[in-house]
N, C-alpha and C. Protein backbone atom coordinates (compact mmCIF):
# COMPACT_ATOMS: atom_id res chain seq x y z
N MET A 1 -4.27 -30.21 -30.25
CA MET A 1 -5.66 -30.60 -30.44
C MET A 1 -6.20 -31.10 -29.10
N PRO A 2 -7.38 -30.65 -28.72
CA PRO A 2 -7.94 -31.09 -27.45
C PRO A 2 -8.33 -32.56 -27.47
N ILE A 3 -8.42 -33.13 -26.31
CA ILE A 3 -8.88 -34.50 -26.18
C ILE A 3 -10.38 -34.46 -25.95
N PHE A 4 -11.10 -35.20 -26.76
CA PHE A 4 -12.55 -35.27 -26.62
C PHE A 4 -12.91 -36.53 -25.86
N ILE A 5 -13.85 -36.40 -24.97
CA ILE A 5 -14.36 -37.58 -24.28
C ILE A 5 -15.72 -37.87 -24.86
N ARG A 6 -15.83 -39.04 -25.44
CA ARG A 6 -17.07 -39.41 -26.10
C ARG A 6 -17.51 -40.77 -25.61
N CYS A 7 -18.79 -40.97 -25.63
CA CYS A 7 -19.35 -42.25 -25.23
C CYS A 7 -20.35 -42.67 -26.28
N TYR A 8 -20.22 -43.87 -26.76
CA TYR A 8 -21.13 -44.40 -27.76
C TYR A 8 -22.44 -44.78 -27.09
N CYS A 9 -23.57 -44.36 -27.65
CA CYS A 9 -24.88 -44.64 -27.05
C CYS A 9 -25.65 -45.59 -27.94
N ASP A 10 -26.47 -46.42 -27.29
CA ASP A 10 -27.31 -47.32 -28.08
C ASP A 10 -28.56 -46.57 -28.52
N SER A 11 -29.48 -47.26 -29.18
CA SER A 11 -30.65 -46.61 -29.75
C SER A 11 -31.57 -46.00 -28.69
N SER A 12 -31.47 -46.46 -27.46
CA SER A 12 -32.31 -45.89 -26.39
C SER A 12 -31.67 -44.65 -25.78
N GLY A 13 -30.44 -44.32 -26.20
CA GLY A 13 -29.76 -43.16 -25.67
C GLY A 13 -28.93 -43.47 -24.44
N ARG A 14 -28.91 -44.74 -24.01
CA ARG A 14 -28.12 -45.12 -22.85
C ARG A 14 -26.70 -45.42 -23.27
N SER A 15 -25.77 -45.04 -22.45
CA SER A 15 -24.37 -45.31 -22.77
C SER A 15 -24.03 -46.76 -22.46
N PRO A 16 -23.03 -47.31 -23.12
CA PRO A 16 -22.60 -48.67 -22.81
C PRO A 16 -22.14 -48.83 -21.36
N ALA A 17 -21.62 -47.73 -20.77
CA ALA A 17 -21.19 -47.80 -19.37
C ALA A 17 -22.39 -48.13 -18.48
N TRP A 18 -23.54 -47.53 -18.78
CA TRP A 18 -24.74 -47.79 -17.99
C TRP A 18 -25.18 -49.24 -18.18
N LEU A 19 -24.98 -49.77 -19.39
CA LEU A 19 -25.40 -51.13 -19.69
C LEU A 19 -24.38 -52.17 -19.21
N GLY A 20 -23.28 -51.71 -18.61
CA GLY A 20 -22.26 -52.62 -18.14
C GLY A 20 -21.20 -52.91 -19.17
N HIS A 21 -21.18 -52.15 -20.25
CA HIS A 21 -20.17 -52.33 -21.29
C HIS A 21 -18.99 -51.41 -21.02
N GLN A 22 -18.26 -51.07 -22.08
CA GLN A 22 -17.06 -50.25 -21.95
C GLN A 22 -17.37 -48.87 -21.38
N PRO A 23 -16.43 -48.32 -20.62
CA PRO A 23 -16.60 -46.95 -20.13
C PRO A 23 -16.45 -45.96 -21.29
N PRO A 24 -16.77 -44.68 -21.07
CA PRO A 24 -16.60 -43.68 -22.13
C PRO A 24 -15.18 -43.72 -22.69
N THR A 25 -15.07 -43.49 -23.98
CA THR A 25 -13.80 -43.57 -24.68
C THR A 25 -13.14 -42.21 -24.72
N ILE A 26 -11.85 -42.18 -24.45
CA ILE A 26 -11.08 -40.95 -24.57
C ILE A 26 -10.33 -41.02 -25.89
N ILE A 27 -10.55 -40.03 -26.72
CA ILE A 27 -9.88 -40.01 -28.02
C ILE A 27 -8.70 -39.06 -27.94
N LYS A 28 -7.52 -39.60 -28.13
CA LYS A 28 -6.32 -38.78 -28.21
C LYS A 28 -6.06 -38.57 -29.69
N TRP A 29 -6.41 -37.40 -30.17
CA TRP A 29 -6.39 -37.12 -31.59
C TRP A 29 -5.01 -37.25 -32.20
N SER A 30 -3.98 -36.90 -31.47
CA SER A 30 -2.62 -37.01 -32.03
C SER A 30 -2.27 -38.48 -32.27
N GLU A 31 -2.66 -39.37 -31.37
CA GLU A 31 -2.41 -40.79 -31.56
C GLU A 31 -3.25 -41.35 -32.70
N TYR A 32 -4.46 -40.85 -32.83
CA TYR A 32 -5.31 -41.30 -33.94
C TYR A 32 -4.71 -40.88 -35.28
N LYS A 33 -4.15 -39.67 -35.34
CA LYS A 33 -3.53 -39.22 -36.58
C LYS A 33 -2.31 -40.07 -36.92
N GLU A 34 -1.54 -40.46 -35.92
CA GLU A 34 -0.40 -41.35 -36.14
C GLU A 34 -0.88 -42.71 -36.66
N TYR A 35 -1.97 -43.22 -36.10
CA TYR A 35 -2.57 -44.47 -36.54
C TYR A 35 -2.94 -44.39 -38.03
N LEU A 36 -3.56 -43.28 -38.41
CA LEU A 36 -3.93 -43.09 -39.82
C LEU A 36 -2.70 -43.01 -40.72
N ALA A 37 -1.67 -42.29 -40.24
CA ALA A 37 -0.47 -42.09 -41.04
C ALA A 37 0.25 -43.40 -41.33
N LYS A 38 0.10 -44.37 -40.46
CA LYS A 38 0.73 -45.67 -40.68
C LYS A 38 -0.01 -46.48 -41.74
N LYS A 39 -1.27 -46.17 -41.95
CA LYS A 39 -2.09 -46.95 -42.88
C LYS A 39 -2.30 -46.29 -44.24
N TYR A 40 -2.30 -44.95 -44.28
CA TYR A 40 -2.72 -44.24 -45.49
C TYR A 40 -1.73 -43.15 -45.88
N GLY A 41 -1.94 -42.59 -47.07
CA GLY A 41 -1.13 -41.48 -47.56
C GLY A 41 -1.54 -40.17 -46.91
N ASN A 42 -0.71 -39.15 -47.08
CA ASN A 42 -0.90 -37.87 -46.39
C ASN A 42 -2.24 -37.20 -46.68
N GLN A 43 -2.64 -37.14 -47.95
CA GLN A 43 -3.90 -36.46 -48.28
C GLN A 43 -5.09 -37.20 -47.71
N TYR A 44 -5.06 -38.52 -47.79
CA TYR A 44 -6.17 -39.31 -47.26
C TYR A 44 -6.22 -39.19 -45.74
N VAL A 45 -5.06 -39.16 -45.09
CA VAL A 45 -5.00 -38.98 -43.64
C VAL A 45 -5.63 -37.66 -43.26
N SER A 46 -5.28 -36.61 -43.99
CA SER A 46 -5.81 -35.29 -43.70
C SER A 46 -7.34 -35.26 -43.82
N MET A 47 -7.86 -35.90 -44.88
CA MET A 47 -9.31 -35.94 -45.08
C MET A 47 -9.99 -36.75 -43.97
N GLN A 48 -9.46 -37.93 -43.70
CA GLN A 48 -10.05 -38.80 -42.67
C GLN A 48 -10.06 -38.09 -41.31
N TYR A 49 -8.93 -37.49 -40.98
CA TYR A 49 -8.77 -36.82 -39.70
C TYR A 49 -9.74 -35.65 -39.54
N SER A 50 -9.80 -34.80 -40.57
CA SER A 50 -10.67 -33.63 -40.46
C SER A 50 -12.15 -34.01 -40.41
N TYR A 51 -12.56 -34.99 -41.22
CA TYR A 51 -13.96 -35.43 -41.17
C TYR A 51 -14.29 -36.12 -39.85
N ALA A 52 -13.35 -36.88 -39.30
CA ALA A 52 -13.59 -37.54 -38.02
C ALA A 52 -13.82 -36.52 -36.92
N ILE A 53 -13.01 -35.47 -36.91
CA ILE A 53 -13.17 -34.43 -35.89
C ILE A 53 -14.47 -33.66 -36.10
N LYS A 54 -14.73 -33.29 -37.33
CA LYS A 54 -15.91 -32.46 -37.63
C LYS A 54 -17.22 -33.20 -37.38
N TYR A 55 -17.24 -34.51 -37.67
CA TYR A 55 -18.49 -35.26 -37.58
C TYR A 55 -18.47 -36.33 -36.49
N ILE A 56 -17.71 -36.09 -35.42
CA ILE A 56 -17.62 -37.04 -34.31
C ILE A 56 -18.99 -37.29 -33.69
N ASP A 57 -19.85 -36.29 -33.68
CA ASP A 57 -21.18 -36.46 -33.10
C ASP A 57 -22.01 -37.48 -33.87
N CYS A 58 -21.69 -37.70 -35.14
CA CYS A 58 -22.41 -38.71 -35.94
C CYS A 58 -22.02 -40.12 -35.51
N LEU A 59 -20.89 -40.26 -34.83
CA LEU A 59 -20.49 -41.57 -34.32
C LEU A 59 -21.44 -41.99 -33.21
N GLU A 60 -21.87 -41.04 -32.42
CA GLU A 60 -22.80 -41.30 -31.32
C GLU A 60 -24.25 -41.33 -31.80
N ASN A 61 -24.54 -40.52 -32.81
CA ASN A 61 -25.91 -40.42 -33.31
C ASN A 61 -25.88 -40.50 -34.84
N PRO A 62 -25.83 -41.72 -35.39
CA PRO A 62 -25.71 -41.88 -36.84
C PRO A 62 -26.84 -41.26 -37.65
N SER A 63 -27.97 -40.98 -37.05
CA SER A 63 -29.06 -40.37 -37.81
C SER A 63 -28.67 -38.99 -38.35
N LYS A 64 -27.68 -38.34 -37.74
CA LYS A 64 -27.22 -37.04 -38.23
C LYS A 64 -26.55 -37.15 -39.60
N ILE A 65 -26.08 -38.35 -39.94
CA ILE A 65 -25.45 -38.55 -41.24
C ILE A 65 -26.47 -38.33 -42.36
N LEU A 66 -27.72 -38.59 -42.07
CA LEU A 66 -28.78 -38.40 -43.07
C LEU A 66 -28.94 -36.94 -43.46
N GLU A 67 -28.48 -36.03 -42.60
CA GLU A 67 -28.64 -34.59 -42.82
C GLU A 67 -27.52 -33.98 -43.65
N VAL A 68 -26.41 -34.69 -43.84
CA VAL A 68 -25.28 -34.12 -44.56
C VAL A 68 -25.48 -34.25 -46.06
N PRO A 69 -24.84 -33.38 -46.84
CA PRO A 69 -24.98 -33.47 -48.30
C PRO A 69 -24.47 -34.81 -48.83
N THR A 70 -25.13 -35.30 -49.84
CA THR A 70 -24.78 -36.58 -50.44
C THR A 70 -23.35 -36.57 -50.97
N SER A 71 -22.90 -35.41 -51.42
CA SER A 71 -21.57 -35.32 -52.02
C SER A 71 -20.44 -35.65 -51.04
N ILE A 72 -20.66 -35.45 -49.74
CA ILE A 72 -19.60 -35.75 -48.76
C ILE A 72 -19.96 -36.91 -47.84
N LYS A 73 -21.15 -37.46 -48.00
CA LYS A 73 -21.59 -38.53 -47.12
C LYS A 73 -20.64 -39.72 -47.13
N GLY A 74 -20.16 -40.10 -48.30
CA GLY A 74 -19.23 -41.24 -48.41
C GLY A 74 -17.94 -40.99 -47.64
N ASN A 75 -17.40 -39.77 -47.75
CA ASN A 75 -16.18 -39.44 -47.03
C ASN A 75 -16.39 -39.45 -45.53
N ILE A 76 -17.55 -38.97 -45.10
CA ILE A 76 -17.86 -38.97 -43.67
C ILE A 76 -17.97 -40.40 -43.16
N LEU A 77 -18.67 -41.24 -43.92
CA LEU A 77 -18.80 -42.64 -43.53
C LEU A 77 -17.43 -43.32 -43.44
N LYS A 78 -16.58 -43.08 -44.42
CA LYS A 78 -15.23 -43.67 -44.39
C LYS A 78 -14.47 -43.23 -43.15
N ALA A 79 -14.55 -41.93 -42.84
CA ALA A 79 -13.82 -41.41 -41.69
C ALA A 79 -14.36 -41.98 -40.38
N LEU A 80 -15.68 -42.07 -40.26
CA LEU A 80 -16.27 -42.57 -39.02
C LEU A 80 -16.06 -44.08 -38.87
N ILE A 81 -16.07 -44.81 -39.97
CA ILE A 81 -15.80 -46.24 -39.89
C ILE A 81 -14.36 -46.47 -39.47
N CYS A 82 -13.45 -45.71 -40.02
CA CYS A 82 -12.04 -45.83 -39.63
C CYS A 82 -11.86 -45.49 -38.15
N LEU A 83 -12.51 -44.41 -37.70
CA LEU A 83 -12.43 -44.03 -36.29
C LEU A 83 -13.05 -45.09 -35.40
N SER A 84 -14.16 -45.66 -35.82
CA SER A 84 -14.81 -46.69 -35.01
C SER A 84 -13.94 -47.94 -34.91
N LYS A 85 -13.22 -48.26 -35.97
CA LYS A 85 -12.28 -49.39 -35.90
C LYS A 85 -11.15 -49.08 -34.94
N TYR A 86 -10.66 -47.86 -34.99
CA TYR A 86 -9.58 -47.44 -34.07
C TYR A 86 -10.04 -47.53 -32.62
N LEU A 87 -11.30 -47.15 -32.37
CA LEU A 87 -11.84 -47.15 -31.01
C LEU A 87 -12.33 -48.54 -30.57
N GLY A 88 -12.42 -49.47 -31.51
CA GLY A 88 -12.88 -50.81 -31.17
C GLY A 88 -14.38 -50.94 -31.06
N ILE A 89 -15.11 -50.03 -31.71
CA ILE A 89 -16.58 -50.07 -31.66
C ILE A 89 -17.17 -50.22 -33.05
N TYR A 90 -16.40 -50.78 -33.97
CA TYR A 90 -16.84 -50.88 -35.35
C TYR A 90 -18.15 -51.66 -35.49
N LEU A 91 -18.26 -52.81 -34.86
CA LEU A 91 -19.47 -53.63 -35.00
C LEU A 91 -20.70 -52.90 -34.47
N GLU A 92 -20.55 -52.19 -33.36
CA GLU A 92 -21.67 -51.43 -32.81
C GLU A 92 -22.07 -50.30 -33.74
N PHE A 93 -21.05 -49.62 -34.29
CA PHE A 93 -21.33 -48.51 -35.21
C PHE A 93 -21.99 -49.03 -36.48
N LYS A 94 -21.51 -50.15 -36.99
CA LYS A 94 -22.08 -50.75 -38.18
C LYS A 94 -23.54 -51.12 -37.94
N ASP A 95 -23.86 -51.69 -36.78
CA ASP A 95 -25.25 -52.01 -36.44
C ASP A 95 -26.10 -50.75 -36.33
N ALA A 96 -25.53 -49.69 -35.76
CA ALA A 96 -26.27 -48.43 -35.63
C ALA A 96 -26.58 -47.84 -37.01
N LEU A 97 -25.63 -47.94 -37.93
CA LEU A 97 -25.88 -47.46 -39.29
C LEU A 97 -27.02 -48.24 -39.92
N LYS A 98 -27.00 -49.55 -39.71
CA LYS A 98 -28.05 -50.41 -40.27
C LYS A 98 -29.41 -50.06 -39.68
N GLN A 99 -29.46 -49.81 -38.38
CA GLN A 99 -30.72 -49.47 -37.70
C GLN A 99 -31.31 -48.17 -38.24
N HIS A 100 -30.45 -47.24 -38.62
CA HIS A 100 -30.90 -45.94 -39.14
C HIS A 100 -31.10 -45.97 -40.65
N GLY A 101 -30.86 -47.11 -41.28
CA GLY A 101 -31.06 -47.23 -42.72
C GLY A 101 -30.03 -46.48 -43.55
N ILE A 102 -28.85 -46.30 -43.01
CA ILE A 102 -27.80 -45.58 -43.72
C ILE A 102 -26.98 -46.58 -44.52
N LYS A 103 -26.90 -46.34 -45.84
CA LYS A 103 -26.19 -47.23 -46.74
C LYS A 103 -25.22 -46.43 -47.59
N TRP A 104 -24.23 -47.14 -48.11
CA TRP A 104 -23.31 -46.53 -49.07
C TRP A 104 -24.07 -46.24 -50.35
N THR A 105 -23.86 -45.07 -50.89
CA THR A 105 -24.44 -44.75 -52.18
C THR A 105 -23.31 -44.31 -53.10
N THR A 106 -23.09 -45.10 -54.13
CA THR A 106 -22.07 -44.75 -55.11
C THR A 106 -22.70 -44.73 -56.49
N ALA A 107 -22.44 -43.67 -57.19
CA ALA A 107 -22.99 -43.54 -58.54
C ALA A 107 -22.11 -44.32 -59.51
N THR A 108 -22.75 -44.95 -60.45
CA THR A 108 -22.00 -45.64 -61.50
C THR A 108 -21.51 -44.61 -62.50
N SER A 109 -20.61 -44.99 -63.36
CA SER A 109 -20.12 -44.05 -64.37
C SER A 109 -21.25 -43.65 -65.32
N PHE A 110 -22.17 -44.57 -65.56
CA PHE A 110 -23.31 -44.24 -66.43
C PHE A 110 -24.21 -43.20 -65.76
N ASP A 111 -24.45 -43.36 -64.44
CA ASP A 111 -25.24 -42.36 -63.70
C ASP A 111 -24.58 -40.99 -63.77
N SER A 112 -23.27 -40.96 -63.62
CA SER A 112 -22.53 -39.69 -63.69
C SER A 112 -22.67 -39.06 -65.07
N PHE A 113 -22.57 -39.89 -66.11
CA PHE A 113 -22.72 -39.39 -67.48
C PHE A 113 -24.12 -38.80 -67.68
N ILE A 114 -25.14 -39.50 -67.22
CA ILE A 114 -26.52 -39.01 -67.37
C ILE A 114 -26.71 -37.70 -66.63
N ASN A 115 -26.14 -37.57 -65.43
CA ASN A 115 -26.24 -36.32 -64.66
C ASN A 115 -25.59 -35.16 -65.40
N ILE A 116 -24.42 -35.41 -65.98
CA ILE A 116 -23.73 -34.36 -66.74
C ILE A 116 -24.53 -34.01 -67.99
N PHE A 117 -25.01 -35.02 -68.68
CA PHE A 117 -25.76 -34.82 -69.92
C PHE A 117 -27.05 -34.04 -69.68
N ASN A 118 -27.75 -34.35 -68.58
CA ASN A 118 -29.03 -33.71 -68.28
C ASN A 118 -28.88 -32.35 -67.60
N ASN A 119 -27.69 -32.04 -67.15
CA ASN A 119 -27.46 -30.79 -66.43
C ASN A 119 -27.47 -29.61 -67.41
N SER A 120 -28.04 -28.52 -66.96
CA SER A 120 -28.02 -27.30 -67.76
C SER A 120 -26.64 -26.68 -67.65
N HIS A 121 -26.03 -26.39 -68.79
CA HIS A 121 -24.67 -25.85 -68.80
C HIS A 121 -24.66 -24.32 -68.95
N ASP A 122 -25.80 -23.69 -68.74
CA ASP A 122 -25.87 -22.24 -68.87
C ASP A 122 -24.93 -21.54 -67.90
N SER A 123 -24.83 -22.02 -66.68
CA SER A 123 -23.96 -21.38 -65.70
C SER A 123 -22.49 -21.53 -66.08
N LEU A 124 -22.13 -22.64 -66.72
CA LEU A 124 -20.76 -22.84 -67.16
C LEU A 124 -20.40 -21.83 -68.25
N LEU A 125 -21.29 -21.62 -69.18
CA LEU A 125 -21.03 -20.66 -70.25
C LEU A 125 -20.95 -19.23 -69.70
N LYS A 126 -21.79 -18.93 -68.74
CA LYS A 126 -21.75 -17.60 -68.10
C LYS A 126 -20.41 -17.42 -67.41
N TRP A 127 -19.95 -18.45 -66.69
CA TRP A 127 -18.66 -18.40 -66.00
C TRP A 127 -17.54 -18.20 -67.02
N TYR A 128 -17.61 -18.93 -68.13
CA TYR A 128 -16.58 -18.83 -69.16
C TYR A 128 -16.47 -17.41 -69.69
N ARG A 129 -17.60 -16.79 -69.95
CA ARG A 129 -17.60 -15.41 -70.47
C ARG A 129 -17.00 -14.44 -69.45
N GLU A 130 -17.30 -14.64 -68.18
CA GLU A 130 -16.76 -13.77 -67.14
C GLU A 130 -15.26 -13.96 -66.98
N VAL A 131 -14.82 -15.20 -67.05
CA VAL A 131 -13.40 -15.49 -66.86
C VAL A 131 -12.56 -14.99 -68.02
N THR A 132 -13.05 -15.08 -69.23
CA THR A 132 -12.26 -14.66 -70.39
C THR A 132 -11.94 -13.17 -70.35
N ASN A 133 -12.74 -12.38 -69.66
CA ASN A 133 -12.44 -10.95 -69.53
C ASN A 133 -11.26 -10.71 -68.60
N ILE A 134 -10.97 -11.64 -67.73
CA ILE A 134 -9.92 -11.48 -66.72
C ILE A 134 -8.60 -12.11 -67.17
N LEU A 135 -8.67 -13.18 -67.94
CA LEU A 135 -7.48 -13.96 -68.29
C LEU A 135 -6.59 -13.26 -69.32
N ASN A 136 -5.31 -13.65 -69.29
CA ASN A 136 -4.36 -13.21 -70.32
C ASN A 136 -4.66 -13.99 -71.60
N ASP A 137 -4.10 -13.52 -72.72
CA ASP A 137 -4.37 -14.16 -74.01
C ASP A 137 -3.94 -15.63 -74.03
N ASN A 138 -2.75 -15.94 -73.48
CA ASN A 138 -2.29 -17.33 -73.50
C ASN A 138 -3.15 -18.23 -72.61
N GLU A 139 -3.77 -17.69 -71.61
CA GLU A 139 -4.66 -18.47 -70.74
C GLU A 139 -6.02 -18.68 -71.40
N LYS A 140 -6.45 -17.73 -72.20
CA LYS A 140 -7.73 -17.85 -72.90
C LYS A 140 -7.72 -19.01 -73.89
N LEU A 141 -6.59 -19.24 -74.53
CA LEU A 141 -6.50 -20.30 -75.52
C LEU A 141 -6.83 -21.66 -74.93
N SER A 142 -6.31 -21.96 -73.74
CA SER A 142 -6.61 -23.25 -73.12
C SER A 142 -8.08 -23.36 -72.74
N LYS A 143 -8.72 -22.26 -72.41
CA LYS A 143 -10.14 -22.28 -72.06
C LYS A 143 -11.02 -22.50 -73.29
N ILE A 144 -10.55 -22.05 -74.44
CA ILE A 144 -11.32 -22.26 -75.67
C ILE A 144 -11.43 -23.75 -75.96
N TYR A 145 -10.34 -24.48 -75.78
CA TYR A 145 -10.36 -25.91 -76.03
C TYR A 145 -11.15 -26.66 -74.96
N ALA A 146 -11.18 -26.14 -73.77
CA ALA A 146 -11.91 -26.80 -72.68
C ALA A 146 -13.41 -26.67 -72.85
N VAL A 147 -13.87 -25.52 -73.36
CA VAL A 147 -15.30 -25.29 -73.52
C VAL A 147 -15.53 -24.85 -74.96
N LYS A 148 -15.74 -25.79 -75.84
CA LYS A 148 -15.82 -25.50 -77.27
C LYS A 148 -17.27 -25.32 -77.74
N TRP A 149 -18.27 -25.64 -76.97
CA TRP A 149 -19.63 -25.61 -77.48
C TRP A 149 -20.27 -24.24 -77.47
N ASN A 150 -19.57 -23.18 -77.13
CA ASN A 150 -20.13 -21.83 -77.08
C ASN A 150 -20.43 -21.31 -78.46
């Protein structure tokens, strides 16, 4: 994995090096992955690592987080917060998130229930009909119990 050289910028676009703060940070991705592996399980490490690499530009410009789908925003925030802690810029990143109005959004179980209840299930039934033509008889039986409202 290549080494990325990144520099955290303040809201004016100036780097901390220009302001007399820390010089640009060199991220050694292999060391970061080892850091994650010491703290978390394999699947979580994989997710954190891949999101950190993919959305590293959001660490410098948190406003880009507003453009990502809501479904993955929480995972991206977790990955970037973990990376910012590793780099020692967590407080600066946290302030930048606050300046851009970026907040955690978590749906309650009731919100999830309402979304499922209000969702049109026509596409699910269409999918079920298409899949039953492909499945073996023993596989069809489990699908009947999974989708009984047809």
